[in-house]
Amino acid sequence: MNQVRVRIAPSPTGDPHVGTAYIALFNLIFAHHFKGKFILRIEDTDQTRSRPEYEKNIIDALHWCNIEWDEGPDVGGPHAPYRQSERTEIYRKHAYELIERGHAYKCFCTAEELAEMRELAAKQGKRVGYDRRHRNLSPQEIKEREAAGQPYVIRLKVPLSGECIYEDAIKGRTTAPWADIDDQVLLKSDGFPTYHLANVVDDRLMQISHVIRGDEWMSSTPKHILLYESFGWKPPIFMHMPLLLGKDGKKLSKRKNPTSIFYFRDSGYLPEALINFLTLMGYSMPNDREIYTLDEIVRDFDPKRIGTSGAFFDIQKLNWVNQKKIIETISEQSLWDRLVEWRFNEGFMRKLMPLVHTRIKTFADFMQLCDFFFINDLKHTPELLCGKHSSPEAMSCMLQAIIWSLDEQEDWSGAALEKASHEVAESFGVHHKKVLIPALFATIMGKLQGPPLYDSVTLLGKDRTRVRLMQAIESLGSISNKKMDLLKKCWEKKNCRELVAQSS
């Protein structure tokens, strides 16, 4: 085997997801077992959503998980730069090379034309996709459109018949009909590449030997193999890891599950417990061992023991692993030091004191008042959340709208929650202080009174606040997919009064 070179390539477009840590972990294990290199590459070509702070969060979160890399944007390496936004000229060059080779073409379709195609396909019950109307334009037609200043994208010429057949090192022989695959956009009209072009070009130039990624990317693999073939390159070995699944058996999503790495950090989990748990999601150690160190799985690793079916992300299992790690790795003498490091440290407690200074009669009141900062599972009940003024269904919709409002603001501070609560109360036509504020106290604190609500949310943090809202919604009976679609439409118009009336 030539030198193993593997990578992860997260997009800095949101919170650092446990799925990123999961895939990073198996790339690291694979690289270290085979004495290879592990690379971090930042795929930040989505200029509307990428943020420098999100990149920092990815790096900080992976470091907290004790996941380190040999090459990357923060440590450099022989194939720098490791941010795709700094490599755009490379992608443009390769996109135009594909046109010259006859494997790609310029498409001048407008957004309106694409919308019409989608609408027509939906009416006819056909697969929604681009109808290839500009695939065979003559050189003269292309020249005239360019002279007229018409913007264009560059699309890949996908075969119109036949199959893509490849061997996945985990899933085995895999077949995909070309008829099911769209002529993928490779270069957008703004000159930035799409994920597919940048991914393949970078993997080739960075000499990636194995692409280890989640099952969800299997539908993209035929496009990537076609790109390799179009350039005349040998593809890497593909290994698609089993998906992380929520309780509902669907892909783990932040709408229903805690998914931010920072949530687990701030909730008191040990990083070594989280990574031990994540390896259980896609791998089985000999003799069904479940508790082990990272060094041990690196030493004993066998790719043949990687699973092929999705794995349930079971918080109760994580709690069990975490307890085992506490017992086995933290002595009684050092346990208090670790608790201090987690939450009972000078920095956190000094931020908390102004919230309780005028609210405690004795020191013994402190824990009763502030217990919600230190525990994860609150006793949410419909009676506590709804009071006398709302139904469980209406309240669950209002709490979901709170989440959307905070996401829209891209701000989860107390000030943002105050703005969101007024916005939601107005949209739903409910009394802000009588209906929503008691519900938010109950959601965040598990009781109807406590320290100042908005200051408490700022101190609690985005990730734990989001999970509190999700847990409250679940305790109210959750929201059906049909109801969620209706709620989303009402919320986009910022008028949910009729929805509340139906739910009362």
Protein backbone atom coordinates (compact mmCIF):
# COMPACT_ATOMS: atom_id res chain seq x y z
CA MET A 1 0.00 0.00 0.00
CA ASN A 2 1.31 3.47 -0.93
CA GLN A 3 1.30 6.05 1.85
CA VAL A 4 -2.18 6.43 3.28
CA ARG A 5 -3.46 9.98 3.08
CA VAL A 6 -6.98 10.71 4.33
CA ARG A 7 -8.90 13.88 5.07
CA ILE A 8 -12.01 15.48 6.44
CA ALA A 9 -13.42 18.49 4.67
CA PRO A 10 -16.10 20.20 6.79
CA SER A 11 -17.96 23.30 5.67
CA PRO A 12 -17.82 26.22 8.13
CA THR A 13 -21.55 26.91 7.86
CA GLY A 14 -22.92 26.16 11.32
CA ASP A 15 -22.29 24.55 14.66
CA PRO A 16 -19.59 21.83 14.87
CA HIS A 17 -21.61 18.63 14.40
CA VAL A 18 -20.91 15.33 16.17
CA GLY A 19 -21.04 13.78 12.69
CA THR A 20 -17.92 15.79 11.81
CA ALA A 21 -16.14 14.39 14.88
CA TYR A 22 -17.36 10.88 14.00
CA ILE A 23 -15.93 10.96 10.48
CA ALA A 24 -12.78 12.80 11.60
CA LEU A 25 -12.20 10.15 14.24
CA PHE A 26 -12.29 7.24 11.79
CA ASN A 27 -10.04 9.09 9.36
CA LEU A 28 -7.55 9.68 12.18
CA ILE A 29 -7.74 6.03 13.33
CA PHE A 30 -7.24 4.78 9.76
CA ALA A 31 -4.30 7.10 9.14
CA HIS A 32 -2.53 6.34 12.41
CA HIS A 33 -3.04 2.58 12.12
CA PHE A 34 -1.49 2.52 8.64
CA LYS A 35 1.24 5.09 9.52
CA GLY A 36 -0.25 7.64 7.14
CA LYS A 37 -1.29 11.30 7.22
CA PHE A 38 -4.56 12.89 8.28
CA ILE A 39 -5.53 16.23 6.71
CA LEU A 40 -8.08 18.89 7.66
CA ARG A 41 -9.40 20.89 4.69
CA ILE A 42 -11.97 23.65 5.02
CA GLU A 43 -14.60 23.63 2.26
CA ASP A 44 -15.72 27.26 2.43
CA THR A 45 -16.84 27.88 -1.15
CA ASP A 46 -20.41 28.62 -0.01
CA GLN A 47 -19.78 32.32 0.41
CA THR A 48 -23.29 33.10 1.65
CA ARG A 49 -23.07 30.76 4.67
CA SER A 50 -19.38 30.31 5.48
CA ARG A 51 -18.02 32.28 8.44
CA PRO A 52 -14.49 32.53 9.93
CA GLU A 53 -15.98 32.00 13.39
CA TYR A 54 -17.53 28.72 12.23
CA GLU A 55 -14.12 27.54 11.04
CA LYS A 56 -12.67 28.42 14.44
CA ASN A 57 -15.48 26.49 16.12
CA ILE A 58 -14.73 23.39 14.02
CA ILE A 59 -11.05 23.52 14.97
CA ASP A 60 -11.79 24.20 18.66
CA ALA A 61 -14.39 21.42 18.82
CA LEU A 62 -12.12 18.81 17.21
CA HIS A 63 -9.25 19.83 19.48
CA TRP A 64 -11.56 19.35 22.49
CA CYS A 65 -12.24 15.83 21.20
CA ASN A 66 -8.47 15.22 21.16
CA ILE A 67 -8.56 14.89 17.36
CA GLU A 68 -5.38 16.30 15.79
CA TRP A 69 -4.28 16.49 12.15
CA ASP A 70 -0.97 16.46 10.29
CA GLU A 71 -1.85 19.12 7.69
CA GLY A 72 -4.46 21.87 7.71
CA PRO A 73 -5.19 25.59 7.62
CA ASP A 74 -3.86 26.13 11.14
CA VAL A 75 -0.74 23.96 10.89
CA GLY A 76 0.17 24.28 7.21
CA GLY A 77 1.59 21.50 5.07
CA PRO A 78 3.02 20.69 1.63
CA HIS A 79 -0.32 21.13 -0.18
CA ALA A 80 -1.36 24.52 1.22
CA PRO A 81 -3.60 26.43 1.10
CA TYR A 82 -6.12 24.20 2.89
CA ARG A 83 -9.07 26.57 2.54
CA GLN A 84 -10.98 26.18 -0.72
CA SER A 85 -11.76 29.90 -0.91
CA GLU A 86 -8.01 30.42 -1.38
CA ARG A 87 -7.83 27.89 -4.25
CA THR A 88 -10.48 29.24 -6.65
CA GLU A 89 -8.10 29.78 -9.59
CA ILE A 90 -7.13 26.11 -9.43
CA TYR A 91 -10.77 25.07 -9.77
CA ARG A 92 -11.48 27.48 -12.64
CA LYS A 93 -8.52 26.12 -14.56
CA HIS A 94 -9.73 22.55 -14.13
CA ALA A 95 -13.35 23.43 -15.04
CA TYR A 96 -12.29 24.94 -18.35
CA GLU A 97 -9.98 21.99 -18.97
CA LEU A 98 -13.06 19.75 -18.80
CA ILE A 99 -14.79 21.89 -21.44
CA GLU A 100 -11.76 21.50 -23.71
CA ARG A 101 -11.84 17.75 -23.16
CA GLY A 102 -15.52 17.65 -24.12
CA HIS A 103 -16.67 16.51 -20.67
CA ALA A 104 -18.36 19.75 -19.54
CA TYR A 105 -20.28 22.62 -21.09
CA LYS A 106 -21.51 26.17 -20.45
CA CYS A 107 -25.13 26.46 -19.35
CA PHE A 108 -26.84 29.86 -19.63
CA CYS A 109 -30.14 29.00 -17.92
CA THR A 110 -31.65 31.69 -15.72
CA ALA A 111 -33.08 31.09 -12.26
CA GLU A 112 -36.55 31.57 -13.74
CA GLU A 113 -35.97 28.89 -16.37
CA LEU A 114 -34.72 26.44 -13.76
CA ALA A 115 -37.79 27.13 -11.60
CA GLU A 116 -40.05 26.45 -14.62
CA MET A 117 -38.24 23.15 -15.24
CA ARG A 118 -38.80 22.07 -11.63
CA GLU A 119 -42.47 23.06 -11.77
CA LEU A 120 -43.07 21.23 -15.07
CA ALA A 121 -41.28 18.09 -13.88
CA ALA A 122 -43.35 18.06 -10.68
CA LYS A 123 -46.59 18.37 -12.67
CA GLN A 124 -45.57 15.53 -14.99
CA GLY A 125 -44.42 13.34 -12.10
CA LYS A 126 -40.89 13.20 -13.48
CA ARG A 127 -37.57 13.43 -11.67
CA VAL A 128 -36.88 17.07 -10.86
CA GLY A 129 -33.67 18.16 -12.54
CA TYR A 130 -32.05 20.21 -15.26
CA ASP A 131 -33.36 19.27 -18.74
CA ARG A 132 -29.94 19.68 -20.44
CA ARG A 133 -31.28 22.29 -22.88
CA HIS A 134 -27.85 23.94 -23.29
CA ARG A 135 -25.80 20.74 -23.42
CA ASN A 136 -25.42 20.81 -27.21
CA LEU A 137 -25.26 24.50 -28.08
CA SER A 138 -23.15 25.23 -31.14
CA PRO A 139 -19.91 27.21 -30.77
CA GLN A 140 -21.63 30.12 -32.53
CA GLU A 141 -24.61 30.09 -30.10
CA ILE A 142 -22.23 30.05 -27.15
CA LYS A 143 -20.25 32.92 -28.61
CA GLU A 144 -23.38 35.02 -29.17
CA ARG A 145 -24.65 34.44 -25.62
CA GLU A 146 -21.29 35.37 -24.14
CA ALA A 147 -21.14 38.49 -26.30
CA ALA A 148 -24.57 39.47 -24.98
CA GLY A 149 -23.19 39.24 -21.43
CA GLN A 150 -25.32 36.27 -20.40
CA PRO A 151 -23.97 34.69 -17.20
CA TYR A 152 -23.34 30.96 -17.24
CA VAL A 153 -22.38 28.01 -15.08
CA ILE A 154 -20.24 25.06 -16.14
CA ARG A 155 -21.96 21.67 -15.98
CA LEU A 156 -20.61 18.13 -16.12
CA LYS A 157 -21.69 15.98 -19.08
CA VAL A 158 -23.15 12.92 -17.40
CA PRO A 159 -23.71 9.88 -19.67
CA LEU A 160 -27.30 9.52 -20.81
CA SER A 161 -27.35 5.74 -20.44
CA GLY A 162 -25.50 2.91 -18.77
CA GLU A 163 -24.37 2.54 -15.18
CA CYS A 164 -21.64 3.68 -12.85
CA ILE A 165 -20.19 0.60 -11.15
CA TYR A 166 -17.60 0.91 -8.40
CA GLU A 167 -16.29 -0.99 -5.41
CA ASP A 168 -16.83 0.60 -2.01
CA ALA A 169 -14.36 -0.76 0.56
CA ILE A 170 -17.17 -0.99 3.16
CA LYS A 171 -20.39 -1.44 1.15
CA GLY A 172 -18.96 -3.62 -1.61
CA ARG A 173 -19.98 -3.49 -5.28
CA THR A 174 -22.24 -0.51 -5.91
CA THR A 175 -24.23 0.35 -9.03
CA ALA A 176 -25.96 3.60 -10.00
CA PRO A 177 -27.80 4.26 -13.31
CA TRP A 178 -26.50 7.37 -15.07
CA ALA A 179 -30.09 8.22 -16.02
CA ASP A 180 -30.74 9.06 -12.35
CA ILE A 181 -27.90 11.59 -12.17
CA ASP A 182 -28.19 15.24 -13.14
CA ASP A 183 -25.68 17.23 -15.18
CA GLN A 184 -24.01 18.61 -12.07
CA VAL A 185 -22.97 22.25 -11.85
CA LEU A 186 -19.18 22.38 -11.40
CA LEU A 187 -18.47 26.10 -11.53
CA LYS A 188 -21.06 28.68 -10.48
CA SER A 189 -21.65 31.95 -12.31
CA ASP A 190 -19.70 33.82 -9.61
CA GLY A 191 -16.60 31.79 -10.46
CA PHE A 192 -16.72 29.69 -7.30
CA PRO A 193 -16.74 25.89 -7.61
CA THR A 194 -19.41 23.61 -6.26
CA TYR A 195 -18.53 20.98 -3.69
CA HIS A 196 -18.16 18.27 -6.33
CA LEU A 197 -15.48 19.90 -8.48
CA ALA A 198 -13.48 21.32 -5.58
CA ASN A 199 -13.67 18.04 -3.68
CA VAL A 200 -12.29 15.93 -6.52
CA VAL A 201 -9.60 18.40 -7.59
CA ASP A 202 -8.35 18.87 -4.04
CA ASP A 203 -8.37 15.16 -3.26
CA ARG A 204 -6.27 14.56 -6.38
CA LEU A 205 -3.80 17.40 -5.77
CA MET A 206 -3.48 16.55 -2.08
CA GLN A 207 -2.81 12.90 -3.00
CA ILE A 208 -5.71 11.52 -0.96
CA SER A 209 -5.56 7.71 -1.07
CA HIS A 210 -8.83 6.87 0.74
CA VAL A 211 -12.02 8.94 0.97
CA ILE A 212 -13.68 7.98 4.26
CA ARG A 213 -17.01 9.77 4.63
CA GLY A 214 -20.63 9.24 5.63
CA ASP A 215 -23.26 7.17 3.81
CA GLU A 216 -25.08 10.32 2.78
CA TRP A 217 -22.37 11.03 0.18
CA MET A 218 -22.88 7.76 -1.71
CA SER A 219 -25.26 9.45 -4.15
CA SER A 220 -22.46 11.86 -5.06
CA THR A 221 -19.82 9.20 -5.64
CA PRO A 222 -20.78 8.44 -9.29
CA LYS A 223 -20.34 12.14 -10.12
CA HIS A 224 -16.94 12.12 -8.45
CA ILE A 225 -15.83 8.94 -10.22
CA LEU A 226 -16.96 10.45 -13.55
CA LEU A 227 -14.89 13.55 -12.78
CA TYR A 228 -11.81 11.46 -12.07
CA GLU A 229 -12.30 9.59 -15.33
CA SER A 230 -12.91 12.82 -17.26
CA PHE A 231 -9.57 14.19 -16.06
CA GLY A 232 -7.82 10.88 -16.75
CA TRP A 233 -7.10 10.32 -13.06
CA LYS A 234 -7.28 7.17 -10.95
CA PRO A 235 -9.96 7.54 -8.23
CA PRO A 236 -9.10 7.02 -4.55
CA ILE A 237 -10.58 4.13 -2.58
CA PHE A 238 -14.05 5.08 -1.30
CA MET A 239 -15.23 4.02 2.17
CA HIS A 240 -18.72 5.10 3.22
CA MET A 241 -19.31 4.94 6.97
CA PRO A 242 -22.72 4.05 8.48
CA LEU A 243 -24.97 6.99 9.25
CA LEU A 244 -25.60 8.27 12.75
CA LEU A 245 -29.34 7.85 13.36
CA GLY A 246 -31.72 9.51 15.78
CA LYS A 247 -34.38 7.72 17.84
CA ASP A 248 -36.74 7.92 14.85
CA GLY A 249 -34.35 5.90 12.70
CA LYS A 250 -33.61 8.88 10.46
CA LYS A 251 -30.35 10.73 9.97
CA LEU A 252 -29.33 12.54 13.15
CA SER A 253 -30.55 16.13 12.83
CA LYS A 254 -30.27 19.18 15.01
CA ARG A 255 -34.05 19.68 14.80
CA LYS A 256 -34.69 16.68 17.05
CA ASN A 257 -31.35 15.81 18.65
CA PRO A 258 -28.45 17.47 20.43
CA THR A 259 -25.78 17.46 17.69
CA SER A 260 -23.32 20.24 18.53
CA ILE A 261 -20.01 19.03 19.94
CA PHE A 262 -20.11 22.04 22.25
CA TYR A 263 -23.37 20.80 23.77
CA PHE A 264 -21.63 17.67 25.00
CA ARG A 265 -18.63 19.67 26.23
CA ASP A 266 -20.82 22.14 28.12
CA SER A 267 -23.09 19.39 29.50
CA GLY A 268 -20.25 17.72 31.37
CA TYR A 269 -19.21 14.85 29.10
CA LEU A 270 -15.57 13.78 28.90
CA PRO A 271 -14.01 14.10 25.43
CA GLU A 272 -12.50 10.62 25.74
CA ALA A 273 -15.99 9.26 26.50
CA LEU A 274 -17.54 10.98 23.47
CA ILE A 275 -14.91 9.62 21.08
CA ASN A 276 -15.13 6.14 22.63
CA PHE A 277 -18.91 6.30 22.12
CA LEU A 278 -18.56 7.54 18.53
CA THR A 279 -16.32 4.62 17.60
CA LEU A 280 -19.06 2.27 18.84
CA MET A 281 -21.35 3.83 16.23
CA GLY A 282 -19.42 2.48 13.26
CA TYR A 283 -17.15 -0.26 14.55
CA SER A 284 -16.99 -3.35 16.74
CA MET A 285 -13.86 -4.23 18.69
CA PRO A 286 -12.83 -7.90 19.10
CA ASN A 287 -14.62 -9.70 21.93
CA ASP A 288 -17.31 -6.97 21.85
CA ARG A 289 -15.20 -4.64 23.99
CA GLU A 290 -16.99 -1.31 24.51
CA ILE A 291 -14.62 0.66 26.73
CA TYR A 292 -11.14 1.39 25.38
CA THR A 293 -8.72 4.22 24.63
CA LEU A 294 -8.05 5.88 21.29
CA ASP A 295 -4.57 4.35 21.25
CA GLU A 296 -6.08 0.90 21.71
CA ILE A 297 -8.47 1.16 18.77
CA VAL A 298 -5.69 2.59 16.59
CA ARG A 299 -3.48 -0.37 17.48
CA ASP A 300 -6.17 -3.04 16.95
CA PHE A 301 -8.01 -1.41 14.05
CA ASP A 302 -9.28 -3.61 11.21
CA PRO A 303 -11.32 -1.92 8.43
CA LYS A 304 -13.26 -5.16 7.96
CA ARG A 305 -14.90 -4.58 11.34
CA ILE A 306 -16.57 -1.33 10.18
CA GLY A 307 -20.35 -1.71 10.13
CA THR A 308 -22.58 -1.39 7.09
CA SER A 309 -25.89 -0.32 8.66
CA GLY A 310 -26.82 2.89 10.44
CA ALA A 311 -26.08 3.27 14.15
CA PHE A 312 -28.45 4.77 16.71
CA PHE A 313 -27.03 7.73 18.59
CA ASP A 314 -28.25 6.62 22.01
CA ILE A 315 -27.70 9.25 24.71
CA GLN A 316 -28.28 6.64 27.42
CA LYS A 317 -25.42 4.60 25.98
CA LEU A 318 -23.23 7.71 25.94
CA ASN A 319 -24.12 8.34 29.59
CA TRP A 320 -23.05 4.77 30.42
CA VAL A 321 -19.73 5.18 28.58
CA ASN A 322 -19.14 8.52 30.27
CA GLN A 323 -19.78 7.02 33.72
CA LYS A 324 -17.34 4.20 32.98
CA LYS A 325 -14.70 6.71 31.90
CA ILE A 326 -15.23 8.81 35.05
CA ILE A 327 -14.82 5.73 37.24
CA GLU A 328 -11.81 4.37 35.36
CA THR A 329 -9.87 7.54 34.53
CA ILE A 330 -10.67 10.10 37.24
CA SER A 331 -9.65 9.36 40.82
CA GLU A 332 -11.72 10.41 43.82
CA GLN A 333 -8.97 12.89 44.68
CA SER A 334 -9.11 14.62 41.28
CA LEU A 335 -12.88 14.48 40.68
CA TRP A 336 -13.51 17.86 42.31
CA ASP A 337 -10.75 19.43 40.20
CA ARG A 338 -12.49 18.19 37.05
CA LEU A 339 -15.86 19.54 38.25
CA VAL A 340 -14.23 22.90 38.93
CA GLU A 341 -12.70 22.86 35.47
CA TRP A 342 -16.12 22.11 33.97
CA ARG A 343 -18.51 24.56 35.64
CA PHE A 344 -17.53 25.45 39.19
CA ASN A 345 -14.62 27.56 38.06
CA GLU A 346 -13.96 31.19 38.95
CA GLY A 347 -14.87 32.53 35.52
CA PHE A 348 -18.29 30.90 35.30
CA MET A 349 -19.28 31.48 38.91
CA ARG A 350 -18.38 35.18 38.77
CA LYS A 351 -20.72 35.56 35.80
CA LEU A 352 -23.44 33.77 37.74
CA MET A 353 -23.22 35.79 40.96
CA PRO A 354 -24.87 38.99 39.62
CA LEU A 355 -27.89 36.90 38.61
CA VAL A 356 -28.48 35.59 42.15
CA HIS A 357 -27.11 38.34 44.41
CA THR A 358 -30.48 39.88 45.26
CA ARG A 359 -32.49 36.65 45.00
CA ILE A 360 -31.13 34.42 47.75
CA LYS A 361 -32.16 34.66 51.42
CA THR A 362 -29.50 32.15 52.54
CA PHE A 363 -26.54 30.51 50.82
CA ALA A 364 -28.59 27.31 50.83
CA ASP A 365 -30.97 28.95 48.32
CA PHE A 366 -28.24 29.10 45.72
CA MET A 367 -28.48 25.54 44.36
CA GLN A 368 -32.27 25.54 44.38
CA LEU A 369 -32.26 28.75 42.38
CA CYS A 370 -29.46 27.82 39.96
CA ASP A 371 -29.67 24.03 39.61
CA PHE A 372 -30.69 24.30 35.95
CA PHE A 373 -27.21 25.58 35.02
CA PHE A 374 -25.68 22.32 36.22
CA ILE A 375 -28.15 19.63 35.16
CA ASN A 376 -29.18 18.41 31.70
CA ASP A 377 -32.60 16.79 32.10
CA LEU A 378 -35.30 19.11 33.35
CA LYS A 379 -38.76 17.91 34.37
CA HIS A 380 -40.78 19.48 31.57
CA THR A 381 -44.52 18.78 31.73
CA PRO A 382 -47.38 20.11 29.57
CA GLU A 383 -48.99 21.60 32.69
CA LEU A 384 -45.81 23.51 33.58
CA LEU A 385 -45.15 24.73 30.04
CA CYS A 386 -48.70 25.66 29.02
CA GLY A 387 -50.34 26.85 32.21
CA LYS A 388 -53.98 27.87 31.75
CA HIS A 389 -53.52 29.94 28.62
CA SER A 390 -52.32 27.57 25.91
CA SER A 391 -52.67 24.07 24.51
CA PRO A 392 -49.67 21.71 24.19
CA GLU A 393 -49.91 21.79 20.39
CA ALA A 394 -49.98 25.59 20.23
CA MET A 395 -47.12 25.91 22.72
CA SER A 396 -44.93 23.44 20.84
CA CYS A 397 -45.44 25.55 17.71
CA MET A 398 -44.49 28.73 19.56
CA LEU A 399 -41.32 27.18 20.95
CA GLN A 400 -40.37 25.93 17.49
CA ALA A 401 -40.87 29.46 16.16
CA ILE A 402 -38.55 30.72 18.92
CA ILE A 403 -35.84 28.39 17.56
CA TRP A 404 -36.39 29.65 14.02
CA SER A 405 -36.30 33.27 15.12
CA LEU A 406 -33.00 32.78 16.95
CA ASP A 407 -31.54 30.95 13.95
CA GLU A 408 -32.66 33.76 11.66
CA GLN A 409 -30.96 36.28 13.91
CA GLU A 410 -27.83 34.07 14.03
CA ASP A 411 -27.73 35.06 17.68
CA TRP A 412 -28.69 32.99 20.72
CA SER A 413 -28.01 35.57 23.40
CA GLY A 414 -30.55 36.71 25.98
CA ALA A 415 -31.11 39.89 23.99
CA ALA A 416 -31.90 37.82 20.90
CA LEU A 417 -34.33 35.66 22.90
CA GLU A 418 -36.10 38.77 24.15
CA LYS A 419 -36.53 39.95 20.56
CA ALA A 420 -37.63 36.48 19.45
CA SER A 421 -40.20 36.16 22.25
CA HIS A 422 -41.87 39.46 21.33
CA GLU A 423 -41.81 38.52 17.63
CA VAL A 424 -43.39 35.12 18.31
CA ALA A 425 -46.02 36.54 20.70
CA GLU A 426 -47.08 39.06 18.05
CA SER A 427 -47.10 36.48 15.25
CA PHE A 428 -49.21 34.04 17.27
CA GLY A 429 -51.41 36.74 18.79
CA VAL A 430 -50.77 35.73 22.40
CA HIS A 431 -50.03 37.72 25.55
CA HIS A 432 -46.25 38.00 25.87
CA LYS A 433 -46.03 38.08 29.69
CA LYS A 434 -48.94 35.76 30.49
CA VAL A 435 -48.26 33.05 27.90
CA LEU A 436 -44.75 33.10 26.48
CA ILE A 437 -42.59 34.30 29.36
CA PRO A 438 -43.83 31.64 31.85
CA ALA A 439 -43.34 29.01 29.14
CA LEU A 440 -39.77 30.16 28.50
CA PHE A 441 -38.95 30.14 32.21
CA ALA A 442 -40.30 26.57 32.39
CA THR A 443 -38.37 25.57 29.26
CA ILE A 444 -35.02 27.00 30.33
CA MET A 445 -35.17 26.44 34.10
CA GLY A 446 -37.76 23.72 34.64
CA LYS A 447 -39.72 26.10 36.92
CA LEU A 448 -41.74 29.29 36.66
CA GLN A 449 -39.33 31.62 38.39
CA GLY A 450 -35.63 31.97 38.94
CA PRO A 451 -32.76 34.31 38.00
CA PRO A 452 -33.32 36.84 35.19
CA LEU A 453 -34.43 34.83 32.15
CA TYR A 454 -32.50 36.57 29.40
CA ASP A 455 -29.25 36.84 31.36
CA SER A 456 -29.59 33.16 32.25
CA VAL A 457 -29.91 32.22 28.57
CA THR A 458 -26.76 34.18 27.72
CA LEU A 459 -24.85 32.30 30.42
CA LEU A 460 -26.38 28.93 29.58
CA GLY A 461 -25.21 29.26 25.98
CA LYS A 462 -26.60 28.51 22.55
CA ASP A 463 -26.23 24.74 22.48
CA ARG A 464 -27.83 23.95 25.83
CA THR A 465 -30.58 26.53 25.21
CA ARG A 466 -31.43 24.91 21.86
CA VAL A 467 -31.64 21.48 23.46
CA ARG A 468 -33.89 22.80 26.26
CA LEU A 469 -36.30 24.13 23.63
CA MET A 470 -36.24 20.81 21.74
CA GLN A 471 -36.79 18.83 24.93
CA ALA A 472 -39.75 21.02 25.84
CA ILE A 473 -41.29 20.52 22.39
CA GLU A 474 -40.85 16.75 22.72
CA SER A 475 -42.49 16.76 26.16
CA LEU A 476 -45.49 18.50 24.59
CA GLY A 477 -45.92 15.69 22.08
CA SER A 478 -43.59 16.89 19.29
CA ILE A 479 -44.78 18.34 15.97
CA SER A 480 -45.84 16.14 13.06
CA ASN A 481 -44.15 16.64 9.69
CA LYS A 482 -47.44 17.87 8.20
CA LYS A 483 -47.92 20.36 11.03
CA MET A 484 -44.29 21.46 10.76
CA ASP A 485 -44.71 22.27 7.05
CA LEU A 486 -47.83 24.33 7.79
CA LEU A 487 -46.12 26.07 10.70
CA LYS A 488 -43.13 26.94 8.53
CA LYS A 489 -45.35 28.57 5.91
CA CYS A 490 -47.20 30.58 8.55
CA TRP A 491 -43.96 31.62 10.22
CA GLU A 492 -42.45 32.83 6.93
CA LYS A 493 -45.42 35.23 6.71
CA LYS A 494 -45.02 36.02 10.44
CA ASN A 495 -48.71 35.31 10.93
CA CYS A 496 -49.52 32.20 12.95
CA ARG A 497 -52.79 33.33 14.56
CA GLU A 498 -54.94 30.94 12.54
CA LEU A 499 -52.63 28.07 13.44
CA VAL A 500 -53.07 28.81 17.16
CA ALA A 501 -56.84 28.91 16.74
CA GLN A 502 -56.76 25.45 15.11
CA SER A 503 -54.57 24.10 17.92
CA SER A 504 -56.62 25.49 20.83
